[in-house]
Amino acid sequence: MEEFLVGPTSLTFVQGDVAAAAKAIRDSAKANAALVVKGGVLGGNVLSPADITALADLPSREELLAKFAGALQAPLSKTARLLQAVPAKFAYGLNALIEKQEQAAA
């Protein structure tokens, strides 16, 4: 980690969403050419600038949770629509049969 501490250095400590912090640092580096991301440490693992860029490209925690919830909900919604379609089609068929019998009787 010593190579990260050569020259002007800024440290950022994060509690919570690490990807959001990486995005904020990346956006600040784009706006300020003097800010160069040298690397980082996450959970005892040394991260290269490419690793930090990859971390910044991840969706936020909320987005990932929403995608996960959507993935869980999709099969349930599809099953509910299929189960709802059976009685509806039966009712349409029964109604058509009743109308046909009424027309035949008239």
PDB file of N, CA and C in Angstrom:
ATOM      1  N   MET A   1       0.807  -1.187   0.000  1.00  0.00           N
ATOM      2  CA  MET A   1       0.000   0.000   0.000  1.00  0.00           C
ATOM      3  C   MET A   1       0.862   1.268   0.000  1.00  0.00           C
ATOM      4  N   GLU A   2       2.129   1.116   0.186  1.00  0.00           N
ATOM      5  CA  GLU A   2       3.008   2.277   0.243  1.00  0.00           C
ATOM      6  C   GLU A   2       2.988   3.088  -1.052  1.00  0.00           C
ATOM      7  N   GLU A   3       2.804   2.418  -2.194  1.00  0.00           N
ATOM      8  CA  GLU A   3       2.801   3.151  -3.469  1.00  0.00           C
ATOM      9  C   GLU A   3       1.623   4.127  -3.569  1.00  0.00           C
ATOM     10  N   PHE A   4       0.574   3.898  -2.793  1.00  0.00           N
ATOM     11  CA  PHE A   4      -0.578   4.806  -2.798  1.00  0.00           C
ATOM     12  C   PHE A   4      -0.283   6.086  -2.023  1.00  0.00           C
ATOM     13  N   LEU A   5       0.691   6.048  -1.124  1.00  0.00           N
ATOM     14  CA  LEU A   5       0.944   7.166  -0.224  1.00  0.00           C
ATOM     15  C   LEU A   5       2.090   8.065  -0.682  1.00  0.00           C
ATOM     16  N   VAL A   6       2.530   7.926  -1.928  1.00  0.00           N
ATOM     17  CA  VAL A   6       3.603   8.753  -2.475  1.00  0.00           C
ATOM     18  C   VAL A   6       2.983  10.010  -3.089  1.00  0.00           C
ATOM     19  N   GLY A   7       3.529  11.159  -2.761  1.00  0.00           N
ATOM     20  CA  GLY A   7       3.023  12.422  -3.302  1.00  0.00           C
ATOM     21  C   GLY A   7       1.779  12.878  -2.559  1.00  0.00           C
ATOM     22  N   PRO A   8       1.101  13.897  -3.103  1.00  0.00           N
ATOM     23  CA  PRO A   8      -0.130  14.377  -2.455  1.00  0.00           C
ATOM     24  C   PRO A   8      -1.147  13.239  -2.365  1.00  0.00           C
ATOM     25  N   THR A   9      -1.709  13.085  -1.195  1.00  0.00           N
ATOM     26  CA  THR A   9      -2.587  11.943  -0.956  1.00  0.00           C
ATOM     27  C   THR A   9      -3.829  12.372  -0.184  1.00  0.00           C
ATOM     28  N   SER A  10      -4.929  11.806  -0.559  1.00  0.00           N
ATOM     29  CA  SER A  10      -6.182  12.008   0.155  1.00  0.00           C
ATOM     30  C   SER A  10      -6.743  10.628   0.487  1.00  0.00           C
ATOM     31  N   LEU A  11      -7.277  10.492   1.674  1.00  0.00           N
ATOM     32  CA  LEU A  11      -7.861   9.215   2.092  1.00  0.00           C
ATOM     33  C   LEU A  11      -9.360   9.396   2.285  1.00  0.00           C
ATOM     34  N   THR A  12     -10.103   8.374   1.938  1.00  0.00           N
ATOM     35  CA  THR A  12     -11.552   8.397   2.128  1.00  0.00           C
ATOM     36  C   THR A  12     -11.937   7.153   2.907  1.00  0.00           C
ATOM     37  N   PHE A  13     -12.657   7.346   3.985  1.00  0.00           N
ATOM     38  CA  PHE A  13     -13.147   6.232   4.788  1.00  0.00           C
ATOM     39  C   PHE A  13     -14.649   6.146   4.583  1.00  0.00           C
ATOM     40  N   VAL A  14     -15.145   4.933   4.351  1.00  0.00           N
ATOM     41  CA  VAL A  14     -16.556   4.758   3.999  1.00  0.00           C
ATOM     42  C   VAL A  14     -17.197   3.736   4.916  1.00  0.00           C
ATOM     43  N   GLN A  15     -18.369   4.087   5.400  1.00  0.00           N
ATOM     44  CA  GLN A  15     -19.227   3.122   6.081  1.00  0.00           C
ATOM     45  C   GLN A  15     -20.498   3.051   5.261  1.00  0.00           C
ATOM     46  N   GLY A  16     -20.898   1.868   4.865  1.00  0.00           N
ATOM     47  CA  GLY A  16     -22.126   1.734   4.079  1.00  0.00           C
ATOM     48  C   GLY A  16     -21.830   1.357   2.646  1.00  0.00           C
ATOM     49  N   ASP A  17     -22.453   2.069   1.716  1.00  0.00           N
ATOM     50  CA  ASP A  17     -22.395   1.735   0.291  1.00  0.00           C
ATOM     51  C   ASP A  17     -21.057   2.152  -0.313  1.00  0.00           C
ATOM     52  N   VAL A  18     -20.181   1.192  -0.484  1.00  0.00           N
ATOM     53  CA  VAL A  18     -18.842   1.452  -1.015  1.00  0.00           C
ATOM     54  C   VAL A  18     -18.918   1.847  -2.487  1.00  0.00           C
ATOM     55  N   ALA A  19     -19.859   1.231  -3.223  1.00  0.00           N
ATOM     56  CA  ALA A  19     -19.992   1.544  -4.647  1.00  0.00           C
ATOM     57  C   ALA A  19     -20.397   3.008  -4.838  1.00  0.00           C
ATOM     58  N   ALA A  20     -21.258   3.527  -3.990  1.00  0.00           N
ATOM     59  CA  ALA A  20     -21.677   4.928  -4.091  1.00  0.00           C
ATOM     60  C   ALA A  20     -20.488   5.856  -3.831  1.00  0.00           C
ATOM     61  N   ALA A  21     -19.647   5.511  -2.874  1.00  0.00           N
ATOM     62  CA  ALA A  21     -18.459   6.324  -2.599  1.00  0.00           C
ATOM     63  C   ALA A  21     -17.496   6.286  -3.779  1.00  0.00           C
ATOM     64  N   ALA A  22     -17.330   5.102  -4.372  1.00  0.00           N
ATOM     65  CA  ALA A  22     -16.443   4.980  -5.539  1.00  0.00           C
ATOM     66  C   ALA A  22     -16.982   5.811  -6.700  1.00  0.00           C
ATOM     67  N   LYS A  23     -18.309   5.844  -6.872  1.00  0.00           N
ATOM     68  CA  LYS A  23     -18.913   6.664  -7.932  1.00  0.00           C
ATOM     69  C   LYS A  23     -18.654   8.147  -7.670  1.00  0.00           C
ATOM     70  N   ALA A  24     -18.804   8.560  -6.434  1.00  0.00           N
ATOM     71  CA  ALA A  24     -18.581   9.968  -6.096  1.00  0.00           C
ATOM     72  C   ALA A  24     -17.125  10.363  -6.350  1.00  0.00           C
ATOM     73  N   ILE A  25     -16.202   9.506  -5.984  1.00  0.00           N
ATOM     74  CA  ILE A  25     -14.783   9.794  -6.214  1.00  0.00           C
ATOM     75  C   ILE A  25     -14.484   9.828  -7.705  1.00  0.00           C
ATOM     76  N   ARG A  26     -15.038   8.872  -8.457  1.00  0.00           N
ATOM     77  CA  ARG A  26     -14.822   8.842  -9.911  1.00  0.00           C
ATOM     78  C   ARG A  26     -15.367  10.109 -10.551  1.00  0.00           C
ATOM     79  N   ASP A  27     -16.567  10.531 -10.149  1.00  0.00           N
ATOM     80  CA  ASP A  27     -17.163  11.742 -10.722  1.00  0.00           C
ATOM     81  C   ASP A  27     -16.344  12.982 -10.363  1.00  0.00           C
ATOM     82  N   SER A  28     -15.825  13.031  -9.150  1.00  0.00           N
ATOM     83  CA  SER A  28     -14.974  14.151  -8.748  1.00  0.00           C
ATOM     84  C   SER A  28     -13.683  14.167  -9.549  1.00  0.00           C
ATOM     85  N   ALA A  29     -13.132  12.989  -9.825  1.00  0.00           N
ATOM     86  CA  ALA A  29     -11.892  12.905 -10.607  1.00  0.00           C
ATOM     87  C   ALA A  29     -12.126  13.359 -12.043  1.00  0.00           C
ATOM     88  N   LYS A  30     -13.325  13.093 -12.583  1.00  0.00           N
ATOM     89  CA  LYS A  30     -13.640  13.562 -13.942  1.00  0.00           C
ATOM     90  C   LYS A  30     -13.734  15.085 -13.975  1.00  0.00           C
ATOM     91  N   ALA A  31     -14.283  15.682 -12.914  1.00  0.00           N
ATOM     92  CA  ALA A  31     -14.464  17.130 -12.860  1.00  0.00           C
ATOM     93  C   ALA A  31     -13.170  17.865 -12.525  1.00  0.00           C
ATOM     94  N   ASN A  32     -12.252  17.196 -11.829  1.00  0.00           N
ATOM     95  CA  ASN A  32     -11.012  17.830 -11.389  1.00  0.00           C
ATOM     96  C   ASN A  32      -9.836  16.976 -11.865  1.00  0.00           C
ATOM     97  N   ALA A  33      -9.123  17.458 -12.866  1.00  0.00           N
ATOM     98  CA  ALA A  33      -8.024  16.691 -13.454  1.00  0.00           C
ATOM     99  C   ALA A  33      -6.884  16.450 -12.464  1.00  0.00           C
ATOM    100  N   ALA A  34      -6.778  17.270 -11.423  1.00  0.00           N
ATOM    101  CA  ALA A  34      -5.701  17.105 -10.440  1.00  0.00           C
ATOM    102  C   ALA A  34      -5.946  15.911  -9.525  1.00  0.00           C
ATOM    103  N   LEU A  35      -7.184  15.453  -9.461  1.00  0.00           N
ATOM    104  CA  LEU A  35      -7.511  14.306  -8.608  1.00  0.00           C
ATOM    105  C   LEU A  35      -7.273  13.022  -9.397  1.00  0.00           C
ATOM    106  N   VAL A  36      -6.300  12.250  -8.953  1.00  0.00           N
ATOM    107  CA  VAL A  36      -5.954  10.985  -9.598  1.00  0.00           C
ATOM    108  C   VAL A  36      -6.180   9.866  -8.592  1.00  0.00           C
ATOM    109  N   VAL A  37      -6.988   8.899  -8.969  1.00  0.00           N
ATOM    110  CA  VAL A  37      -7.252   7.762  -8.087  1.00  0.00           C
ATOM    111  C   VAL A  37      -6.097   6.778  -8.255  1.00  0.00           C
ATOM    112  N   LYS A  38      -5.368   6.550  -7.170  1.00  0.00           N
ATOM    113  CA  LYS A  38      -4.199   5.674  -7.204  1.00  0.00           C
ATOM    114  C   LYS A  38      -4.551   4.237  -6.854  1.00  0.00           C
ATOM    115  N   GLY A  39      -5.555   4.060  -6.015  1.00  0.00           N
ATOM    116  CA  GLY A  39      -5.929   2.716  -5.582  1.00  0.00           C
ATOM    117  C   GLY A  39      -6.720   2.809  -4.303  1.00  0.00           C
ATOM    118  N   GLY A  40      -6.917   1.664  -3.688  1.00  0.00           N
ATOM    119  CA  GLY A  40      -7.683   1.643  -2.458  1.00  0.00           C
ATOM    120  C   GLY A  40      -7.554   0.328  -1.732  1.00  0.00           C
ATOM    121  N   VAL A  41      -8.204   0.246  -0.608  1.00  0.00           N
ATOM    122  CA  VAL A  41      -8.223  -0.969   0.196  1.00  0.00           C
ATOM    123  C   VAL A  41      -9.669  -1.218   0.592  1.00  0.00           C
ATOM    124  N   LEU A  42     -10.134  -2.436   0.381  1.00  0.00           N
ATOM    125  CA  LEU A  42     -11.502  -2.805   0.733  1.00  0.00           C
ATOM    126  C   LEU A  42     -11.455  -4.152   1.443  1.00  0.00           C
ATOM    127  N   GLY A  43     -11.788  -4.142   2.713  1.00  0.00           N
ATOM    128  CA  GLY A  43     -11.813  -5.387   3.477  1.00  0.00           C
ATOM    129  C   GLY A  43     -10.468  -6.083   3.528  1.00  0.00           C
ATOM    130  N   GLY A  44      -9.392  -5.325   3.543  1.00  0.00           N
ATOM    131  CA  GLY A  44      -8.058  -5.918   3.595  1.00  0.00           C
ATOM    132  C   GLY A  44      -7.484  -6.247   2.229  1.00  0.00           C
ATOM    133  N   ASN A  45      -8.261  -6.083   1.165  1.00  0.00           N
ATOM    134  CA  ASN A  45      -7.786  -6.342  -0.200  1.00  0.00           C
ATOM    135  C   ASN A  45      -7.387  -5.031  -0.862  1.00  0.00           C
ATOM    136  N   VAL A  46      -6.212  -5.034  -1.496  1.00  0.00           N
ATOM    137  CA  VAL A  46      -5.729  -3.851  -2.195  1.00  0.00           C
ATOM    138  C   VAL A  46      -6.421  -3.778  -3.551  1.00  0.00           C
ATOM    139  N   LEU A  47      -6.946  -2.588  -3.881  1.00  0.00           N
ATOM    140  CA  LEU A  47      -7.656  -2.389  -5.142  1.00  0.00           C
ATOM    141  C   LEU A  47      -6.844  -1.489  -6.062  1.00  0.00           C
ATOM    142  N   SER A  48      -6.775  -1.869  -7.309  1.00  0.00           N
ATOM    143  CA  SER A  48      -6.116  -1.034  -8.309  1.00  0.00           C
ATOM    144  C   SER A  48      -7.105   0.032  -8.788  1.00  0.00           C
ATOM    145  N   PRO A  49      -6.637   1.029  -9.529  1.00  0.00           N
ATOM    146  CA  PRO A  49      -7.578   2.014 -10.083  1.00  0.00           C
ATOM    147  C   PRO A  49      -8.649   1.366 -10.965  1.00  0.00           C
ATOM    148  N   ALA A  50      -8.289   0.310 -11.688  1.00  0.00           N
ATOM    149  CA  ALA A  50      -9.277  -0.410 -12.511  1.00  0.00           C
ATOM    150  C   ALA A  50     -10.329  -1.084 -11.636  1.00  0.00           C
ATOM    151  N   ASP A  51      -9.895  -1.610 -10.491  1.00  0.00           N
ATOM    152  CA  ASP A  51     -10.839  -2.226  -9.559  1.00  0.00           C
ATOM    153  C   ASP A  51     -11.818  -1.190  -9.010  1.00  0.00           C
ATOM    154  N   ILE A  52     -11.322  -0.019  -8.730  1.00  0.00           N
ATOM    155  CA  ILE A  52     -12.185   1.038  -8.207  1.00  0.00           C
ATOM    156  C   ILE A  52     -13.165   1.502  -9.282  1.00  0.00           C
ATOM    157  N   THR A  53     -12.709   1.572 -10.525  1.00  0.00           N
ATOM    158  CA  THR A  53     -13.605   1.923 -11.628  1.00  0.00           C
ATOM    159  C   THR A  53     -14.694   0.863 -11.783  1.00  0.00           C
ATOM    160  N   ALA A  54     -14.312  -0.405 -11.687  1.00  0.00           N
ATOM    161  CA  ALA A  54     -15.297  -1.490 -11.774  1.00  0.00           C
ATOM    162  C   ALA A  54     -16.290  -1.407 -10.615  1.00  0.00           C
ATOM    163  N   LEU A  55     -15.810  -1.066  -9.444  1.00  0.00           N
ATOM    164  CA  LEU A  55     -16.681  -0.910  -8.277  1.00  0.00           C
ATOM    165  C   LEU A  55     -17.637   0.266  -8.473  1.00  0.00           C
ATOM    166  N   ALA A  56     -17.148   1.336  -9.077  1.00  0.00           N
ATOM    167  CA  ALA A  56     -17.990   2.509  -9.330  1.00  0.00           C
ATOM    168  C   ALA A  56     -19.049   2.220 -10.386  1.00  0.00           C
ATOM    169  N   ASP A  57     -18.787   1.275 -11.279  1.00  0.00           N
ATOM    170  CA  ASP A  57     -19.745   0.928 -12.331  1.00  0.00           C
ATOM    171  C   ASP A  57     -20.862   0.017 -11.846  1.00  0.00           C
ATOM    172  N   LEU A  58     -20.723  -0.518 -10.643  1.00  0.00           N
ATOM    173  CA  LEU A  58     -21.777  -1.381 -10.099  1.00  0.00           C
ATOM    174  C   LEU A  58     -23.036  -0.576  -9.821  1.00  0.00           C
ATOM    175  N   PRO A  59     -24.208  -1.206  -9.970  1.00  0.00           N
ATOM    176  CA  PRO A  59     -25.444  -0.508  -9.573  1.00  0.00           C
ATOM    177  C   PRO A  59     -25.462  -0.300  -8.071  1.00  0.00           C
ATOM    178  N   SER A  60     -26.260   0.654  -7.625  1.00  0.00           N
ATOM    179  CA  SER A  60     -26.351   0.923  -6.196  1.00  0.00           C
ATOM    180  C   SER A  60     -27.037  -0.236  -5.485  1.00  0.00           C
ATOM    181  N   ARG A  61     -26.927  -0.241  -4.183  1.00  0.00           N
ATOM    182  CA  ARG A  61     -27.535  -1.299  -3.373  1.00  0.00           C
ATOM    183  C   ARG A  61     -29.046  -1.346  -3.593  1.00  0.00           C
ATOM    184  N   GLU A  62     -29.665  -0.171  -3.664  1.00  0.00           N
ATOM    185  CA  GLU A  62     -31.107  -0.104  -3.867  1.00  0.00           C
ATOM    186  C   GLU A  62     -31.504  -0.687  -5.216  1.00  0.00           C
ATOM    187  N   GLU A  63     -30.703  -0.375  -6.271  1.00  0.00           N
ATOM    188  CA  GLU A  63     -30.989  -0.924  -7.599  1.00  0.00           C
ATOM    189  C   GLU A  63     -30.875  -2.445  -7.590  1.00  0.00           C
ATOM    190  N   LEU A  64     -29.831  -2.965  -6.946  1.00  0.00           N
ATOM    191  CA  LEU A  64     -29.651  -4.417  -6.887  1.00  0.00           C
ATOM    192  C   LEU A  64     -30.784  -5.087  -6.122  1.00  0.00           C
ATOM    193  N   LEU A  65     -31.216  -4.473  -5.019  1.00  0.00           N
ATOM    194  CA  LEU A  65     -32.336  -5.034  -4.256  1.00  0.00           C
ATOM    195  C   LEU A  65     -33.626  -5.002  -5.075  1.00  0.00           C
ATOM    196  N   ALA A  66     -33.844  -3.926  -5.833  1.00  0.00           N
ATOM    197  CA  ALA A  66     -35.038  -3.832  -6.671  1.00  0.00           C
ATOM    198  C   ALA A  66     -35.014  -4.889  -7.770  1.00  0.00           C
ATOM    199  N   LYS A  67     -33.848  -5.101  -8.377  1.00  0.00           N
ATOM    200  CA  LYS A  67     -33.734  -6.139  -9.408  1.00  0.00           C
ATOM    201  C   LYS A  67     -33.971  -7.520  -8.819  1.00  0.00           C
ATOM    202  N   PHE A  68     -33.449  -7.750  -7.627  1.00  0.00           N
ATOM    203  CA  PHE A  68     -33.633  -9.035  -6.964  1.00  0.00           C
ATOM    204  C   PHE A  68     -35.103  -9.262  -6.633  1.00  0.00           C
ATOM    205  N   ALA A  69     -35.760  -8.228  -6.118  1.00  0.00           N
ATOM    206  CA  ALA A  69     -37.188  -8.347  -5.793  1.00  0.00           C
ATOM    207  C   ALA A  69     -38.004  -8.586  -7.058  1.00  0.00           C
ATOM    208  N   GLY A  70     -37.654  -7.921  -8.135  1.00  0.00           N
ATOM    209  CA  GLY A  70     -38.344  -8.131  -9.411  1.00  0.00           C
ATOM    210  C   GLY A  70     -38.151  -9.550  -9.924  1.00  0.00           C
ATOM    211  N   ALA A  71     -36.938 -10.073  -9.752  1.00  0.00           N
ATOM    212  CA  ALA A  71     -36.670 -11.447 -10.192  1.00  0.00           C
ATOM    213  C   ALA A  71     -37.468 -12.453  -9.368  1.00  0.00           C
ATOM    214  N   LEU A  72     -37.657 -12.166  -8.093  1.00  0.00           N
ATOM    215  CA  LEU A  72     -38.466 -13.058  -7.254  1.00  0.00           C
ATOM    216  C   LEU A  72     -39.949 -12.930  -7.575  1.00  0.00           C
ATOM    217  N   GLN A  73     -40.388 -11.724  -7.915  1.00  0.00           N
ATOM    218  CA  GLN A  73     -41.803 -11.470  -8.141  1.00  0.00           C
ATOM    219  C   GLN A  73     -42.273 -11.973  -9.502  1.00  0.00           C
ATOM    220  N   ALA A  74     -41.422 -11.977 -10.501  1.00  0.00           N
ATOM    221  CA  ALA A  74     -41.834 -12.312 -11.867  1.00  0.00           C
ATOM    222  C   ALA A  74     -42.500 -13.686 -11.965  1.00  0.00           C
ATOM    223  N   PRO A  75     -41.915 -14.761 -11.446  1.00  0.00           N
ATOM    224  CA  PRO A  75     -42.579 -16.058 -11.568  1.00  0.00           C
ATOM    225  C   PRO A  75     -43.919 -16.101 -10.828  1.00  0.00           C
ATOM    226  N   LEU A  76     -44.000 -15.416  -9.695  1.00  0.00           N
ATOM    227  CA  LEU A  76     -45.255 -15.395  -8.937  1.00  0.00           C
ATOM    228  C   LEU A  76     -46.337 -14.655  -9.705  1.00  0.00           C
ATOM    229  N   SER A  77     -45.992 -13.540 -10.328  1.00  0.00           N
ATOM    230  CA  SER A  77     -46.958 -12.779 -11.110  1.00  0.00           C
ATOM    231  C   SER A  77     -47.437 -13.584 -12.309  1.00  0.00           C
ATOM    232  N   LYS A  78     -46.494 -14.262 -12.964  1.00  0.00           N
ATOM    233  CA  LYS A  78     -46.860 -15.070 -14.125  1.00  0.00           C
ATOM    234  C   LYS A  78     -47.796 -16.205 -13.719  1.00  0.00           C
ATOM    235  N   THR A  79     -47.509 -16.842 -12.605  1.00  0.00           N
ATOM    236  CA  THR A  79     -48.370 -17.928 -12.112  1.00  0.00           C
ATOM    237  C   THR A  79     -49.747 -17.391 -11.758  1.00  0.00           C
ATOM    238  N   ALA A  80     -49.808 -16.241 -11.132  1.00  0.00           N
ATOM    239  CA  ALA A  80     -51.100 -15.653 -10.767  1.00  0.00           C
ATOM    240  C   ALA A  80     -51.916 -15.328 -12.010  1.00  0.00           C
ATOM    241  N   ARG A  81     -51.277 -14.782 -13.057  1.00  0.00           N
ATOM    242  CA  ARG A  81     -52.002 -14.489 -14.299  1.00  0.00           C
ATOM    243  C   ARG A  81     -52.515 -15.760 -14.952  1.00  0.00           C
ATOM    244  N   LEU A  82     -51.692 -16.806 -14.949  1.00  0.00           N
ATOM    245  CA  LEU A  82     -52.131 -18.076 -15.544  1.00  0.00           C
ATOM    246  C   LEU A  82     -53.305 -18.669 -14.776  1.00  0.00           C
ATOM    247  N   LEU A  83     -53.235 -18.634 -13.463  1.00  0.00           N
ATOM    248  CA  LEU A  83     -54.325 -19.173 -12.651  1.00  0.00           C
ATOM    249  C   LEU A  83     -55.595 -18.341 -12.794  1.00  0.00           C
ATOM    250  N   GLN A  84     -55.445 -17.053 -13.029  1.00  0.00           N
ATOM    251  CA  GLN A  84     -56.600 -16.180 -13.217  1.00  0.00           C
ATOM    252  C   GLN A  84     -57.205 -16.381 -14.601  1.00  0.00           C
ATOM    253  N   ALA A  85     -56.406 -16.747 -15.588  1.00  0.00           N
ATOM    254  CA  ALA A  85     -56.892 -16.909 -16.953  1.00  0.00           C
ATOM    255  C   ALA A  85     -57.806 -18.122 -17.086  1.00  0.00           C
ATOM    256  N   VAL A  86     -57.564 -19.188 -16.345  1.00  0.00           N
ATOM    257  CA  VAL A  86     -58.370 -20.404 -16.470  1.00  0.00           C
ATOM    258  C   VAL A  86     -59.835 -20.142 -16.126  1.00  0.00           C
ATOM    259  N   PRO A  87     -60.168 -19.574 -14.966  1.00  0.00           N
ATOM    260  CA  PRO A  87     -61.586 -19.319 -14.686  1.00  0.00           C
ATOM    261  C   PRO A  87     -62.204 -18.291 -15.643  1.00  0.00           C
ATOM    262  N   ALA A  88     -61.407 -17.291 -16.071  1.00  0.00           N
ATOM    263  CA  ALA A  88     -61.934 -16.285 -16.984  1.00  0.00           C
ATOM    264  C   ALA A  88     -62.305 -16.928 -18.320  1.00  0.00           C
ATOM    265  N   LYS A  89     -61.449 -17.770 -18.854  1.00  0.00           N
ATOM    266  CA  LYS A  89     -61.749 -18.448 -20.126  1.00  0.00           C
ATOM    267  C   LYS A  89     -62.927 -19.398 -19.962  1.00  0.00           C
ATOM    268  N   PHE A  90     -63.002 -20.043 -18.821  1.00  0.00           N
ATOM    269  CA  PHE A  90     -64.145 -20.925 -18.564  1.00  0.00           C
ATOM    270  C   PHE A  90     -65.438 -20.121 -18.543  1.00  0.00           C
ATOM    271  N   ALA A  91     -65.415 -18.947 -17.907  1.00  0.00           N
ATOM    272  CA  ALA A  91     -66.604 -18.097 -17.848  1.00  0.00           C
ATOM    273  C   ALA A  91     -67.002 -17.611 -19.235  1.00  0.00           C
ATOM    274  N   TYR A  92     -66.021 -17.217 -20.063  1.00  0.00           N
ATOM    275  CA  TYR A  92     -66.330 -16.793 -21.433  1.00  0.00           C
ATOM    276  C   TYR A  92     -66.945 -17.937 -22.230  1.00  0.00           C
ATOM    277  N   GLY A  93     -66.362 -19.118 -22.081  1.00  0.00           N
ATOM    278  CA  GLY A  93     -66.894 -20.292 -22.792  1.00  0.00           C
ATOM    279  C   GLY A  93     -68.298 -20.643 -22.332  1.00  0.00           C
ATOM    280  N   LEU A  94     -68.528 -20.586 -21.044  1.00  0.00           N
ATOM    281  CA  LEU A  94     -69.852 -20.886 -20.493  1.00  0.00           C
ATOM    282  C   LEU A  94     -70.873 -19.852 -20.964  1.00  0.00           C
ATOM    283  N   ASN A  95     -70.488 -18.584 -20.981  1.00  0.00           N
ATOM    284  CA  ASN A  95     -71.370 -17.522 -21.456  1.00  0.00           C
ATOM    285  C   ASN A  95     -71.708 -17.726 -22.931  1.00  0.00           C
ATOM    286  N   ALA A  96     -70.712 -18.096 -23.750  1.00  0.00           N
ATOM    287  CA  ALA A  96     -70.962 -18.344 -25.170  1.00  0.00           C
ATOM    288  C   ALA A  96     -71.904 -19.520 -25.352  1.00  0.00           C
ATOM    289  N   LEU A  97     -71.770 -20.560 -24.547  1.00  0.00           N
ATOM    290  CA  LEU A  97     -72.652 -21.727 -24.632  1.00  0.00           C
ATOM    291  C   LEU A  97     -74.086 -21.360 -24.264  1.00  0.00           C
ATOM    292  N   ILE A  98     -74.231 -20.548 -23.224  1.00  0.00           N
ATOM    293  CA  ILE A  98     -75.576 -20.107 -22.805  1.00  0.00           C
ATOM    294  C   ILE A  98     -76.221 -19.276 -23.911  1.00  0.00           C
ATOM    295  N   GLU A  99     -75.450 -18.344 -24.500  1.00  0.00           N
ATOM    296  CA  GLU A  99     -75.989 -17.517 -25.583  1.00  0.00           C
ATOM    297  C   GLU A  99     -76.374 -18.375 -26.789  1.00  0.00           C
ATOM    298  N   LYS A 100     -75.583 -19.380 -27.075  1.00  0.00           N
ATOM    299  CA  LYS A 100     -75.874 -20.265 -28.204  1.00  0.00           C
ATOM    300  C   LYS A 100     -77.164 -21.044 -27.955  1.00  0.00           C
ATOM    301  N   GLN A 101     -77.362 -21.532 -26.731  1.00  0.00           N
ATOM    302  CA  GLN A 101     -78.570 -22.265 -26.394  1.00  0.00           C
ATOM    303  C   GLN A 101     -79.786 -21.338 -26.427  1.00  0.00           C
ATOM    304  N   GLU A 102     -79.623 -20.077 -25.988  1.00  0.00           N
ATOM    305  CA  GLU A 102     -80.721 -19.119 -26.034  1.00  0.00           C
ATOM    306  C   GLU A 102     -81.123 -18.809 -27.460  1.00  0.00           C
ATOM    307  N   GLN A 103     -80.120 -18.699 -28.349  1.00  0.00           N
ATOM    308  CA  GLN A 103     -80.418 -18.435 -29.768  1.00  0.00           C
ATOM    309  C   GLN A 103     -81.115 -19.637 -30.401  1.00  0.00           C
ATOM    310  N   ALA A 104     -80.733 -20.838 -30.013  1.00  0.00           N
ATOM    311  CA  ALA A 104     -81.341 -22.037 -30.579  1.00  0.00           C
ATOM    312  C   ALA A 104     -82.771 -22.169 -30.094  1.00  0.00           C
ATOM    313  N   ALA A 105     -83.060 -21.749 -28.873  1.00  0.00           N
ATOM    314  CA  ALA A 105     -84.411 -21.848 -28.311  1.00  0.00           C
ATOM    315  C   ALA A 105     -85.322 -20.777 -28.907  1.00  0.00           C
ATOM    316  N   ALA A 106     -84.784 -19.689 -29.367  1.00  0.00           N
ATOM    317  CA  ALA A 106     -85.621 -18.603 -29.871  1.00  0.00           C
ATOM    318  C   ALA A 106     -86.079 -18.802 -31.273  1.00  0.00           C
TER     319      ALA A 106
END
